[in-house]
Amino acid sequence: MTKIQTVTNAIVNQGILPLYYNDDETVTIDILKSLYKAGIRAVEYTSRGEFALSNFKKMIEVRDLEMPEMLLGIGTIKNLQQAEEYYEIGADFFISPGFVAEVAAFLIPKDILYSSGCMTPTEIITAEAAGVTFIKLFPGNALGAGFMSAIKDVFPNLKFMPTGGVDITKESIESWFKAGVSAVGMGSKLISKDLMAAKDYSTIENETKKVLEIIQTLTK
């Protein structure tokens, strides 16, 4: 099995891709451990702060020692330099808010999953032509599940994941899965700034378990 397929399967099997960023290395690691305890085996860390690269290095170090099954992806990749930096330190997969041709050309031949953000059929066609197989619908709250329903049959060979605006309620999650997505990306709705500030890792773990249970009932 290819590495791209392995990562795709991991994300699809859990049906959710949690994503977050925190300046604090300790908080970053504690959240990762909470997600792992909840049953998560693929996580996106967003490259949105000055400590993102150093924190991600630490995540890989801790993962290798304590969480060998965890796949660590890096998000908010907007240029080739970022992709090269995170590839060098061992990121398992890469996610962008939009399609970046240079990033696709760099990663896909190396059998590394690259999920590009897309908002229009034209962008999806461009990404698919470049070899992208896993599309991030972004921003999900602006597009809505109806958009997914409308385009699904046009792109039968692609997998889709909305990010942005997906709530932790059954109603929100169900609307997307009924529309045809393979997973949902969840950031602040699941791992909020308030929970991170309070270091309330038990709530993060418990809410993640609830979301996993919801998805399991929907995808049986």
N, C-alpha and C. Protein backbone atom coordinates (compact mmCIF):
# COMPACT_ATOMS: atom_id res chain seq x y z
N MET A 1 0.83 -1.20 0.00
CA MET A 1 0.00 0.00 0.00
C MET A 1 0.87 1.26 0.00
N THR A 2 0.51 2.24 -0.79
CA THR A 2 1.29 3.47 -0.85
C THR A 2 1.13 4.27 0.44
N LYS A 3 2.06 5.19 0.68
CA LYS A 3 1.96 6.05 1.86
C LYS A 3 0.75 6.97 1.76
N ILE A 4 0.47 7.43 0.55
CA ILE A 4 -0.71 8.28 0.36
C ILE A 4 -1.97 7.52 0.74
N GLN A 5 -2.07 6.28 0.32
CA GLN A 5 -3.26 5.48 0.64
C GLN A 5 -3.34 5.18 2.13
N THR A 6 -2.20 4.94 2.76
CA THR A 6 -2.18 4.66 4.20
C THR A 6 -2.72 5.84 5.00
N VAL A 7 -2.26 7.04 4.66
CA VAL A 7 -2.73 8.24 5.36
C VAL A 7 -4.20 8.49 5.06
N THR A 8 -4.58 8.35 3.80
CA THR A 8 -5.98 8.53 3.42
C THR A 8 -6.87 7.60 4.22
N ASN A 9 -6.49 6.34 4.30
CA ASN A 9 -7.28 5.35 5.04
C ASN A 9 -7.41 5.72 6.51
N ALA A 10 -6.32 6.20 7.10
CA ALA A 10 -6.35 6.56 8.51
C ALA A 10 -7.34 7.69 8.78
N ILE A 11 -7.32 8.70 7.91
CA ILE A 11 -8.23 9.84 8.09
C ILE A 11 -9.67 9.41 7.85
N VAL A 12 -9.89 8.64 6.79
CA VAL A 12 -11.25 8.20 6.45
C VAL A 12 -11.79 7.25 7.52
N ASN A 13 -10.96 6.38 8.03
CA ASN A 13 -11.41 5.42 9.04
C ASN A 13 -11.88 6.11 10.32
N GLN A 14 -11.19 7.18 10.72
CA GLN A 14 -11.65 7.88 11.93
C GLN A 14 -12.71 8.93 11.59
N GLY A 15 -12.77 9.35 10.33
CA GLY A 15 -13.83 10.23 9.87
C GLY A 15 -13.70 11.67 10.30
N ILE A 16 -12.66 11.99 11.00
CA ILE A 16 -12.43 13.35 11.50
C ILE A 16 -10.94 13.62 11.46
N LEU A 17 -10.59 14.86 11.14
CA LEU A 17 -9.19 15.27 11.25
C LEU A 17 -9.14 16.47 12.19
N PRO A 18 -8.75 16.25 13.45
CA PRO A 18 -8.60 17.38 14.37
C PRO A 18 -7.43 18.25 13.94
N LEU A 19 -7.59 19.57 14.09
CA LEU A 19 -6.50 20.48 13.74
C LEU A 19 -6.41 21.59 14.77
N TYR A 20 -5.19 21.99 15.07
CA TYR A 20 -4.98 23.02 16.07
C TYR A 20 -3.58 23.59 15.97
N TYR A 21 -3.38 24.71 16.67
CA TYR A 21 -2.06 25.29 16.86
C TYR A 21 -2.03 25.97 18.22
N ASN A 22 -0.91 25.88 18.90
CA ASN A 22 -0.70 26.61 20.13
C ASN A 22 0.78 26.99 20.23
N ASP A 23 1.05 28.23 20.65
CA ASP A 23 2.44 28.67 20.77
C ASP A 23 3.24 27.82 21.75
N ASP A 24 2.57 27.37 22.81
CA ASP A 24 3.24 26.67 23.91
C ASP A 24 3.52 25.22 23.53
N GLU A 25 4.78 24.83 23.62
CA GLU A 25 5.16 23.46 23.26
C GLU A 25 4.50 22.43 24.16
N THR A 26 4.45 22.70 25.45
CA THR A 26 3.86 21.75 26.40
C THR A 26 2.38 21.57 26.15
N VAL A 27 1.67 22.67 25.92
CA VAL A 27 0.24 22.59 25.62
C VAL A 27 0.03 21.81 24.32
N THR A 28 0.85 22.09 23.34
CA THR A 28 0.77 21.38 22.05
C THR A 28 0.88 19.88 22.26
N ILE A 29 1.85 19.45 23.04
CA ILE A 29 2.06 18.02 23.27
C ILE A 29 0.93 17.42 24.10
N ASP A 30 0.46 18.14 25.10
CA ASP A 30 -0.62 17.62 25.95
C ASP A 30 -1.91 17.45 25.16
N ILE A 31 -2.18 18.35 24.23
CA ILE A 31 -3.36 18.20 23.37
C ILE A 31 -3.20 16.97 22.49
N LEU A 32 -2.02 16.80 21.93
CA LEU A 32 -1.75 15.63 21.09
C LEU A 32 -2.00 14.33 21.86
N LYS A 33 -1.54 14.29 23.10
CA LYS A 33 -1.75 13.10 23.93
C LYS A 33 -3.23 12.87 24.22
N SER A 34 -3.96 13.95 24.44
CA SER A 34 -5.40 13.84 24.70
C SER A 34 -6.14 13.27 23.49
N LEU A 35 -5.76 13.75 22.31
CA LEU A 35 -6.39 13.25 21.09
C LEU A 35 -6.05 11.78 20.87
N TYR A 36 -4.82 11.41 21.17
CA TYR A 36 -4.41 10.02 21.01
C TYR A 36 -5.20 9.12 21.97
N LYS A 37 -5.37 9.57 23.20
CA LYS A 37 -6.14 8.80 24.18
C LYS A 37 -7.59 8.65 23.77
N ALA A 38 -8.09 9.65 23.04
CA ALA A 38 -9.48 9.59 22.58
C ALA A 38 -9.67 8.61 21.42
N GLY A 39 -8.57 8.21 20.80
CA GLY A 39 -8.66 7.27 19.69
C GLY A 39 -8.24 7.83 18.34
N ILE A 40 -7.74 9.06 18.33
CA ILE A 40 -7.31 9.70 17.09
C ILE A 40 -5.94 9.16 16.67
N ARG A 41 -5.81 8.90 15.36
CA ARG A 41 -4.55 8.39 14.83
C ARG A 41 -4.01 9.22 13.67
N ALA A 42 -4.64 10.36 13.40
CA ALA A 42 -4.12 11.32 12.41
C ALA A 42 -4.55 12.70 12.86
N VAL A 43 -3.57 13.62 12.92
CA VAL A 43 -3.80 14.98 13.43
C VAL A 43 -3.15 15.98 12.48
N GLU A 44 -3.81 17.11 12.31
CA GLU A 44 -3.22 18.22 11.56
C GLU A 44 -2.80 19.32 12.53
N TYR A 45 -1.54 19.69 12.46
CA TYR A 45 -1.03 20.83 13.24
C TYR A 45 -0.87 21.99 12.26
N THR A 46 -1.44 23.13 12.56
CA THR A 46 -1.43 24.22 11.59
C THR A 46 -0.18 25.10 11.75
N SER A 47 0.39 25.44 10.62
CA SER A 47 1.60 26.27 10.62
C SER A 47 1.20 27.74 10.65
N ARG A 48 0.72 28.18 11.80
CA ARG A 48 0.15 29.52 11.90
C ARG A 48 0.83 30.40 12.94
N GLY A 49 1.97 30.00 13.43
CA GLY A 49 2.65 30.81 14.44
C GLY A 49 4.15 30.63 14.38
N GLU A 50 4.87 31.48 15.08
CA GLU A 50 6.33 31.46 14.98
C GLU A 50 6.96 30.21 15.58
N PHE A 51 6.20 29.50 16.43
CA PHE A 51 6.76 28.30 17.05
C PHE A 51 6.29 27.02 16.37
N ALA A 52 5.60 27.15 15.24
CA ALA A 52 5.02 25.97 14.59
C ALA A 52 6.06 24.92 14.23
N LEU A 53 7.16 25.35 13.62
CA LEU A 53 8.17 24.38 13.19
C LEU A 53 8.82 23.68 14.36
N SER A 54 9.23 24.43 15.38
CA SER A 54 9.89 23.82 16.54
C SER A 54 8.92 22.93 17.31
N ASN A 55 7.67 23.37 17.42
CA ASN A 55 6.67 22.55 18.12
C ASN A 55 6.42 21.25 17.36
N PHE A 56 6.38 21.35 16.03
CA PHE A 56 6.12 20.15 15.23
C PHE A 56 7.27 19.15 15.36
N LYS A 57 8.49 19.66 15.44
CA LYS A 57 9.64 18.76 15.68
C LYS A 57 9.45 18.00 16.99
N LYS A 58 9.00 18.70 18.02
CA LYS A 58 8.78 18.06 19.31
C LYS A 58 7.65 17.04 19.23
N MET A 59 6.60 17.38 18.49
CA MET A 59 5.48 16.43 18.32
C MET A 59 5.97 15.13 17.70
N ILE A 60 6.83 15.23 16.70
CA ILE A 60 7.37 14.04 16.05
C ILE A 60 8.23 13.23 17.03
N GLU A 61 9.02 13.94 17.81
CA GLU A 61 9.88 13.28 18.81
C GLU A 61 9.04 12.49 19.82
N VAL A 62 7.99 13.13 20.34
CA VAL A 62 7.13 12.47 21.33
C VAL A 62 6.33 11.35 20.68
N ARG A 63 5.86 11.60 19.47
CA ARG A 63 5.11 10.56 18.74
C ARG A 63 5.94 9.30 18.58
N ASP A 64 7.19 9.48 18.16
CA ASP A 64 8.06 8.33 17.92
C ASP A 64 8.29 7.52 19.19
N LEU A 65 8.30 8.18 20.33
CA LEU A 65 8.54 7.50 21.60
C LEU A 65 7.27 6.90 22.21
N GLU A 66 6.14 7.59 22.07
CA GLU A 66 4.95 7.22 22.83
C GLU A 66 3.71 6.88 22.01
N MET A 67 3.66 7.33 20.75
CA MET A 67 2.44 7.16 19.95
C MET A 67 2.78 6.70 18.54
N PRO A 68 3.36 5.52 18.40
CA PRO A 68 3.87 5.09 17.09
C PRO A 68 2.81 5.01 16.00
N GLU A 69 1.54 4.88 16.37
CA GLU A 69 0.49 4.76 15.36
C GLU A 69 0.01 6.11 14.83
N MET A 70 0.42 7.20 15.49
CA MET A 70 -0.10 8.52 15.13
C MET A 70 0.57 9.07 13.87
N LEU A 71 -0.26 9.55 12.95
CA LEU A 71 0.23 10.23 11.76
C LEU A 71 0.11 11.74 11.99
N LEU A 72 1.19 12.45 11.75
CA LEU A 72 1.23 13.89 12.02
C LEU A 72 1.32 14.67 10.71
N GLY A 73 0.28 15.46 10.46
CA GLY A 73 0.26 16.28 9.26
C GLY A 73 0.42 17.75 9.60
N ILE A 74 0.89 18.51 8.63
CA ILE A 74 1.06 19.95 8.83
C ILE A 74 0.12 20.70 7.90
N GLY A 75 -0.58 21.68 8.45
CA GLY A 75 -1.56 22.44 7.69
C GLY A 75 -1.13 23.88 7.45
N THR A 76 -1.96 24.60 6.71
CA THR A 76 -1.72 26.00 6.34
C THR A 76 -0.39 26.14 5.58
N ILE A 77 -0.13 25.17 4.72
CA ILE A 77 1.07 25.22 3.86
C ILE A 77 0.72 26.06 2.63
N LYS A 78 1.45 27.15 2.44
CA LYS A 78 1.11 28.09 1.36
C LYS A 78 2.20 28.28 0.32
N ASN A 79 3.37 27.66 0.57
CA ASN A 79 4.45 27.80 -0.42
C ASN A 79 5.40 26.61 -0.34
N LEU A 80 6.27 26.51 -1.32
CA LEU A 80 7.19 25.38 -1.42
C LEU A 80 8.19 25.36 -0.27
N GLN A 81 8.66 26.53 0.16
CA GLN A 81 9.63 26.56 1.25
C GLN A 81 9.08 25.91 2.51
N GLN A 82 7.84 26.22 2.84
CA GLN A 82 7.22 25.59 4.01
C GLN A 82 7.15 24.08 3.83
N ALA A 83 6.73 23.65 2.65
CA ALA A 83 6.61 22.21 2.39
C ALA A 83 7.96 21.52 2.55
N GLU A 84 9.00 22.14 2.05
CA GLU A 84 10.34 21.54 2.15
C GLU A 84 10.80 21.44 3.60
N GLU A 85 10.53 22.49 4.38
CA GLU A 85 10.95 22.48 5.78
C GLU A 85 10.29 21.36 6.56
N TYR A 86 8.99 21.21 6.38
CA TYR A 86 8.27 20.18 7.14
C TYR A 86 8.50 18.78 6.59
N TYR A 87 8.80 18.68 5.30
CA TYR A 87 9.16 17.39 4.74
C TYR A 87 10.47 16.91 5.35
N GLU A 88 11.40 17.83 5.51
CA GLU A 88 12.72 17.49 6.06
C GLU A 88 12.62 16.93 7.48
N ILE A 89 11.67 17.43 8.27
CA ILE A 89 11.57 16.95 9.65
C ILE A 89 10.58 15.80 9.81
N GLY A 90 9.96 15.37 8.69
CA GLY A 90 9.20 14.13 8.72
C GLY A 90 7.69 14.21 8.81
N ALA A 91 7.08 15.30 8.35
CA ALA A 91 5.62 15.38 8.35
C ALA A 91 5.04 14.25 7.49
N ASP A 92 3.97 13.64 7.97
CA ASP A 92 3.37 12.50 7.26
C ASP A 92 2.44 12.93 6.14
N PHE A 93 1.83 14.10 6.27
CA PHE A 93 0.96 14.61 5.21
C PHE A 93 0.87 16.13 5.32
N PHE A 94 0.40 16.75 4.24
CA PHE A 94 0.40 18.21 4.12
C PHE A 94 -0.97 18.70 3.66
N ILE A 95 -1.40 19.83 4.22
CA ILE A 95 -2.71 20.40 3.89
C ILE A 95 -2.56 21.90 3.65
N SER A 96 -3.22 22.39 2.61
CA SER A 96 -3.16 23.81 2.27
C SER A 96 -4.56 24.42 2.30
N PRO A 97 -4.65 25.73 2.55
CA PRO A 97 -5.95 26.40 2.45
C PRO A 97 -6.39 26.57 0.99
N GLY A 98 -5.44 26.48 0.06
CA GLY A 98 -5.73 26.56 -1.37
C GLY A 98 -4.78 25.64 -2.13
N PHE A 99 -4.97 25.53 -3.44
CA PHE A 99 -4.09 24.67 -4.24
C PHE A 99 -2.80 25.40 -4.57
N VAL A 100 -1.66 24.76 -4.26
CA VAL A 100 -0.34 25.32 -4.57
C VAL A 100 0.37 24.33 -5.49
N ALA A 101 0.50 24.69 -6.76
CA ALA A 101 1.02 23.76 -7.76
C ALA A 101 2.42 23.26 -7.41
N GLU A 102 3.28 24.16 -6.92
CA GLU A 102 4.67 23.78 -6.59
C GLU A 102 4.71 22.76 -5.45
N VAL A 103 3.80 22.90 -4.52
CA VAL A 103 3.75 21.97 -3.39
C VAL A 103 3.28 20.59 -3.87
N ALA A 104 2.27 20.58 -4.72
CA ALA A 104 1.79 19.31 -5.29
C ALA A 104 2.91 18.62 -6.06
N ALA A 105 3.64 19.38 -6.87
CA ALA A 105 4.71 18.80 -7.68
C ALA A 105 5.86 18.28 -6.83
N PHE A 106 6.07 18.88 -5.67
CA PHE A 106 7.13 18.46 -4.77
C PHE A 106 6.76 17.20 -3.99
N LEU A 107 5.52 17.14 -3.49
CA LEU A 107 5.13 16.08 -2.56
C LEU A 107 4.58 14.81 -3.21
N ILE A 108 3.72 14.97 -4.20
CA ILE A 108 3.02 13.80 -4.74
C ILE A 108 3.96 12.77 -5.35
N PRO A 109 5.00 13.17 -6.09
CA PRO A 109 5.94 12.16 -6.60
C PRO A 109 6.70 11.42 -5.49
N LYS A 110 6.74 12.02 -4.30
CA LYS A 110 7.40 11.38 -3.16
C LYS A 110 6.43 10.48 -2.38
N ASP A 111 5.22 10.29 -2.92
CA ASP A 111 4.20 9.46 -2.27
C ASP A 111 3.80 10.04 -0.91
N ILE A 112 3.68 11.37 -0.86
CA ILE A 112 3.24 12.06 0.36
C ILE A 112 1.88 12.69 0.08
N LEU A 113 0.91 12.43 0.95
CA LEU A 113 -0.42 12.98 0.75
C LEU A 113 -0.40 14.50 0.82
N TYR A 114 -0.95 15.12 -0.21
CA TYR A 114 -1.14 16.56 -0.24
C TYR A 114 -2.62 16.84 -0.46
N SER A 115 -3.27 17.43 0.53
CA SER A 115 -4.68 17.78 0.44
C SER A 115 -4.78 19.29 0.29
N SER A 116 -5.25 19.72 -0.87
CA SER A 116 -5.33 21.15 -1.12
C SER A 116 -6.73 21.68 -0.87
N GLY A 117 -6.80 22.89 -0.36
CA GLY A 117 -8.08 23.54 -0.17
C GLY A 117 -8.65 23.98 -1.50
N CYS A 118 -9.94 23.75 -1.70
CA CYS A 118 -10.61 24.15 -2.92
C CYS A 118 -11.99 24.70 -2.59
N MET A 119 -12.44 25.67 -3.39
CA MET A 119 -13.73 26.30 -3.15
C MET A 119 -14.62 26.29 -4.39
N THR A 120 -14.05 25.95 -5.55
CA THR A 120 -14.81 25.95 -6.79
C THR A 120 -14.52 24.68 -7.59
N PRO A 121 -15.42 24.31 -8.49
CA PRO A 121 -15.14 23.16 -9.36
C PRO A 121 -13.86 23.35 -10.18
N THR A 122 -13.58 24.57 -10.60
CA THR A 122 -12.34 24.82 -11.36
C THR A 122 -11.11 24.49 -10.54
N GLU A 123 -11.10 24.91 -9.28
CA GLU A 123 -9.97 24.61 -8.40
C GLU A 123 -9.84 23.11 -8.18
N ILE A 124 -10.96 22.42 -8.03
CA ILE A 124 -10.93 20.97 -7.82
C ILE A 124 -10.38 20.26 -9.05
N ILE A 125 -10.80 20.70 -10.23
CA ILE A 125 -10.30 20.12 -11.48
C ILE A 125 -8.79 20.33 -11.59
N THR A 126 -8.32 21.51 -11.25
CA THR A 126 -6.89 21.82 -11.30
C THR A 126 -6.10 20.93 -10.35
N ALA A 127 -6.61 20.77 -9.14
CA ALA A 127 -5.94 19.93 -8.15
C ALA A 127 -5.93 18.47 -8.59
N GLU A 128 -7.06 18.00 -9.09
CA GLU A 128 -7.14 16.61 -9.54
C GLU A 128 -6.15 16.35 -10.67
N ALA A 129 -6.04 17.29 -11.58
CA ALA A 129 -5.12 17.13 -12.71
C ALA A 129 -3.66 17.07 -12.25
N ALA A 130 -3.37 17.67 -11.10
CA ALA A 130 -2.02 17.67 -10.55
C ALA A 130 -1.74 16.43 -9.69
N GLY A 131 -2.74 15.57 -9.53
CA GLY A 131 -2.54 14.34 -8.79
C GLY A 131 -3.10 14.34 -7.38
N VAL A 132 -3.77 15.43 -6.99
CA VAL A 132 -4.38 15.48 -5.66
C VAL A 132 -5.60 14.56 -5.64
N THR A 133 -5.72 13.75 -4.59
CA THR A 133 -6.83 12.80 -4.50
C THR A 133 -7.74 13.07 -3.30
N PHE A 134 -7.28 13.94 -2.41
CA PHE A 134 -8.02 14.23 -1.17
C PHE A 134 -8.20 15.75 -1.10
N ILE A 135 -9.43 16.20 -1.29
CA ILE A 135 -9.72 17.63 -1.39
C ILE A 135 -10.25 18.17 -0.06
N LYS A 136 -9.69 19.28 0.37
CA LYS A 136 -10.19 20.00 1.54
C LYS A 136 -11.16 21.07 1.04
N LEU A 137 -12.43 20.94 1.37
CA LEU A 137 -13.41 21.97 1.02
C LEU A 137 -13.28 23.09 2.04
N PHE A 138 -12.84 24.25 1.57
CA PHE A 138 -12.55 25.35 2.49
C PHE A 138 -12.90 26.68 1.86
N PRO A 139 -13.58 27.53 2.64
CA PRO A 139 -14.11 27.30 4.00
C PRO A 139 -15.47 26.59 3.97
N GLY A 140 -15.57 25.54 4.77
CA GLY A 140 -16.77 24.71 4.77
C GLY A 140 -18.04 25.47 5.12
N ASN A 141 -17.92 26.43 6.04
CA ASN A 141 -19.11 27.16 6.47
C ASN A 141 -19.65 28.05 5.35
N ALA A 142 -18.79 28.52 4.47
CA ALA A 142 -19.25 29.34 3.35
C ALA A 142 -19.84 28.49 2.23
N LEU A 143 -19.32 27.27 2.06
CA LEU A 143 -19.79 26.40 0.99
C LEU A 143 -21.07 25.66 1.36
N GLY A 144 -21.07 25.03 2.53
CA GLY A 144 -22.24 24.29 2.98
C GLY A 144 -22.32 22.89 2.38
N ALA A 145 -23.08 22.03 3.05
CA ALA A 145 -23.21 20.64 2.61
C ALA A 145 -23.88 20.54 1.25
N GLY A 146 -24.72 21.51 0.90
CA GLY A 146 -25.38 21.49 -0.40
C GLY A 146 -24.40 21.54 -1.55
N PHE A 147 -23.31 22.27 -1.37
CA PHE A 147 -22.27 22.34 -2.39
C PHE A 147 -21.67 20.96 -2.63
N MET A 148 -21.39 20.25 -1.53
CA MET A 148 -20.82 18.91 -1.63
C MET A 148 -21.77 17.99 -2.38
N SER A 149 -23.05 18.05 -2.06
CA SER A 149 -24.04 17.21 -2.74
C SER A 149 -24.07 17.48 -4.24
N ALA A 150 -23.92 18.76 -4.59
CA ALA A 150 -24.03 19.16 -5.99
C ALA A 150 -22.85 18.71 -6.84
N ILE A 151 -21.66 18.62 -6.24
CA ILE A 151 -20.46 18.30 -7.04
C ILE A 151 -20.00 16.86 -6.91
N LYS A 152 -20.53 16.11 -5.95
CA LYS A 152 -19.99 14.79 -5.63
C LYS A 152 -19.92 13.88 -6.86
N ASP A 153 -20.99 13.84 -7.64
CA ASP A 153 -21.03 12.93 -8.78
C ASP A 153 -20.09 13.35 -9.91
N VAL A 154 -19.66 14.60 -9.89
CA VAL A 154 -18.75 15.10 -10.93
C VAL A 154 -17.33 14.62 -10.68
N PHE A 155 -17.02 14.31 -9.43
CA PHE A 155 -15.66 13.92 -9.04
C PHE A 155 -15.67 12.58 -8.29
N PRO A 156 -16.03 11.49 -8.98
CA PRO A 156 -16.20 10.19 -8.31
C PRO A 156 -14.91 9.60 -7.75
N ASN A 157 -13.76 10.06 -8.25
CA ASN A 157 -12.49 9.46 -7.83
C ASN A 157 -11.80 10.23 -6.71
N LEU A 158 -12.44 11.28 -6.22
CA LEU A 158 -11.84 12.11 -5.17
C LEU A 158 -12.54 11.91 -3.84
N LYS A 159 -11.77 12.14 -2.78
CA LYS A 159 -12.34 12.17 -1.44
C LYS A 159 -12.37 13.62 -0.97
N PHE A 160 -13.40 13.95 -0.18
CA PHE A 160 -13.60 15.33 0.24
C PHE A 160 -13.70 15.44 1.75
N MET A 161 -13.17 16.55 2.27
CA MET A 161 -13.24 16.84 3.71
C MET A 161 -13.47 18.34 3.90
N PRO A 162 -14.61 18.74 4.46
CA PRO A 162 -14.81 20.16 4.75
C PRO A 162 -14.06 20.57 6.01
N THR A 163 -13.51 21.75 6.00
CA THR A 163 -12.88 22.33 7.19
C THR A 163 -13.36 23.77 7.32
N GLY A 164 -13.73 24.12 8.54
CA GLY A 164 -14.25 25.46 8.80
C GLY A 164 -15.75 25.41 8.97
N GLY A 165 -16.21 25.61 10.19
CA GLY A 165 -17.64 25.69 10.43
C GLY A 165 -18.33 24.37 10.72
N VAL A 166 -17.62 23.25 10.68
CA VAL A 166 -18.24 21.97 11.04
C VAL A 166 -18.37 21.91 12.55
N ASP A 167 -19.60 21.78 13.02
CA ASP A 167 -19.84 21.78 14.46
C ASP A 167 -19.71 20.36 15.02
N ILE A 168 -19.65 20.26 16.35
CA ILE A 168 -19.49 18.95 16.98
C ILE A 168 -20.83 18.25 17.20
N THR A 169 -21.93 18.86 16.74
CA THR A 169 -23.25 18.25 16.91
C THR A 169 -23.48 17.16 15.86
N LYS A 170 -24.35 16.23 16.21
CA LYS A 170 -24.69 15.16 15.26
C LYS A 170 -25.31 15.73 14.00
N GLU A 171 -26.16 16.76 14.15
CA GLU A 171 -26.84 17.35 13.00
C GLU A 171 -25.85 17.91 11.98
N SER A 172 -24.86 18.64 12.48
CA SER A 172 -23.87 19.24 11.60
C SER A 172 -23.03 18.17 10.90
N ILE A 173 -22.54 17.22 11.67
CA ILE A 173 -21.70 16.16 11.12
C ILE A 173 -22.48 15.31 10.12
N GLU A 174 -23.71 14.97 10.49
CA GLU A 174 -24.54 14.11 9.64
C GLU A 174 -24.84 14.77 8.30
N SER A 175 -25.07 16.08 8.31
CA SER A 175 -25.40 16.78 7.07
C SER A 175 -24.26 16.65 6.06
N TRP A 176 -23.04 16.70 6.54
CA TRP A 176 -21.89 16.60 5.64
C TRP A 176 -21.69 15.17 5.14
N PHE A 177 -21.81 14.20 6.04
CA PHE A 177 -21.62 12.82 5.60
C PHE A 177 -22.71 12.38 4.64
N LYS A 178 -23.94 12.85 4.87
CA LYS A 178 -25.02 12.53 3.94
C LYS A 178 -24.76 13.15 2.57
N ALA A 179 -24.06 14.28 2.56
CA ALA A 179 -23.74 14.96 1.31
C ALA A 179 -22.63 14.26 0.54
N GLY A 180 -21.86 13.41 1.23
CA GLY A 180 -20.87 12.62 0.52
C GLY A 180 -19.42 12.81 0.91
N VAL A 181 -19.15 13.50 2.03
CA VAL A 181 -17.74 13.66 2.42
C VAL A 181 -17.19 12.37 3.02
N SER A 182 -15.88 12.26 3.04
CA SER A 182 -15.22 11.09 3.62
C SER A 182 -14.74 11.34 5.04
N ALA A 183 -14.63 12.62 5.40
CA ALA A 183 -14.20 13.00 6.75
C ALA A 183 -14.53 14.47 6.94
N VAL A 184 -14.44 14.93 8.19
CA VAL A 184 -14.63 16.35 8.48
C VAL A 184 -13.42 16.86 9.25
N GLY A 185 -12.96 18.05 8.87
CA GLY A 185 -11.88 18.70 9.62
C GLY A 185 -12.49 19.53 10.74
N MET A 186 -11.92 19.41 11.93
CA MET A 186 -12.45 20.16 13.07
C MET A 186 -11.33 20.85 13.83
N GLY A 187 -11.44 22.17 13.92
CA GLY A 187 -10.46 22.96 14.65
C GLY A 187 -11.05 23.55 15.91
N SER A 188 -11.38 24.85 15.85
CA SER A 188 -11.80 25.57 17.06
C SER A 188 -13.10 25.08 17.65
N LYS A 189 -13.94 24.42 16.84
CA LYS A 189 -15.19 23.89 17.38
C LYS A 189 -14.92 22.73 18.34
N LEU A 190 -13.79 22.06 18.16
CA LEU A 190 -13.42 20.92 18.98
C LEU A 190 -12.33 21.27 19.99
N ILE A 191 -11.33 22.00 19.51
CA ILE A 191 -10.19 22.37 20.36
C ILE A 191 -10.17 23.89 20.42
N SER A 192 -11.02 24.43 21.26
CA SER A 192 -11.19 25.89 21.30
C SER A 192 -10.05 26.58 22.03
N LYS A 193 -9.92 27.88 21.78
CA LYS A 193 -8.91 28.67 22.49
C LYS A 193 -9.16 28.65 23.99
N ASP A 194 -10.42 28.66 24.39
CA ASP A 194 -10.75 28.63 25.82
C ASP A 194 -10.29 27.34 26.47
N LEU A 195 -10.53 26.21 25.80
CA LEU A 195 -10.10 24.91 26.34
C LEU A 195 -8.58 24.83 26.42
N MET A 196 -7.91 25.37 25.41
CA MET A 196 -6.44 25.36 25.42
C MET A 196 -5.91 26.26 26.53
N ALA A 197 -6.53 27.43 26.68
CA ALA A 197 -6.07 28.37 27.72
C ALA A 197 -6.27 27.79 29.11
N ALA A 198 -7.38 27.04 29.28
CA ALA A 198 -7.67 26.43 30.58
C ALA A 198 -6.92 25.11 30.78
N LYS A 199 -6.24 24.67 29.74
CA LYS A 199 -5.55 23.37 29.76
C LYS A 199 -6.52 22.25 30.16
N ASP A 200 -7.72 22.34 29.60
CA ASP A 200 -8.79 21.38 29.92
C ASP A 200 -8.71 20.21 28.95
N TYR A 201 -7.70 19.40 29.15
CA TYR A 201 -7.45 18.31 28.22
C TYR A 201 -8.48 17.19 28.33
N SER A 202 -9.07 17.02 29.49
CA SER A 202 -10.08 15.97 29.65
C SER A 202 -11.31 16.27 28.81
N THR A 203 -11.70 17.55 28.74
CA THR A 203 -12.84 17.92 27.90
C THR A 203 -12.52 17.71 26.43
N ILE A 204 -11.32 18.08 26.02
CA ILE A 204 -10.92 17.84 24.63
C ILE A 204 -10.99 16.35 24.31
N GLU A 205 -10.48 15.53 25.21
CA GLU A 205 -10.52 14.07 25.01
C GLU A 205 -11.95 13.56 24.94
N ASN A 206 -12.79 14.01 25.87
CA ASN A 206 -14.17 13.51 25.92
C ASN A 206 -14.99 13.97 24.72
N GLU A 207 -14.83 15.23 24.32
CA GLU A 207 -15.57 15.73 23.16
C GLU A 207 -15.13 15.01 21.89
N THR A 208 -13.84 14.71 21.81
CA THR A 208 -13.34 13.99 20.64
C THR A 208 -13.92 12.58 20.59
N LYS A 209 -14.00 11.93 21.73
CA LYS A 209 -14.61 10.60 21.79
C LYS A 209 -16.06 10.64 21.32
N LYS A 210 -16.79 11.69 21.74
CA LYS A 210 -18.20 11.84 21.34
C LYS A 210 -18.33 11.99 19.83
N VAL A 211 -17.45 12.80 19.25
CA VAL A 211 -17.49 13.00 17.80
C VAL A 211 -17.17 11.70 17.07
N LEU A 212 -16.18 10.97 17.54
CA LEU A 212 -15.84 9.68 16.94
C LEU A 212 -17.02 8.72 17.00
N GLU A 213 -17.72 8.72 18.12
CA GLU A 213 -18.89 7.85 18.27
C GLU A 213 -20.01 8.25 17.30
N ILE A 214 -20.23 9.56 17.16
CA ILE A 214 -21.24 10.04 16.21
C ILE A 214 -20.91 9.57 14.80
N ILE A 215 -19.65 9.74 14.41
CA ILE A 215 -19.24 9.36 13.06
C ILE A 215 -19.37 7.86 12.85
N GLN A 216 -19.04 7.08 13.85
CA GLN A 216 -19.16 5.63 13.74
C GLN A 216 -20.60 5.21 13.47
N THR A 217 -21.55 5.86 14.13
CA THR A 217 -22.97 5.52 13.93
C THR A 217 -23.44 5.93 12.53
N LEU A 218 -22.83 6.99 11.99
CA LEU A 218 -23.24 7.49 10.68
C LEU A 218 -22.65 6.70 9.53
N THR A 219 -21.51 6.04 9.77
CA THR A 219 -20.78 5.40 8.69
C THR A 219 -20.82 3.88 8.76
N LYS A 220 -21.64 3.33 9.64
CA LYS A 220 -21.74 1.87 9.75
C LYS A 220 -22.35 1.28 8.47
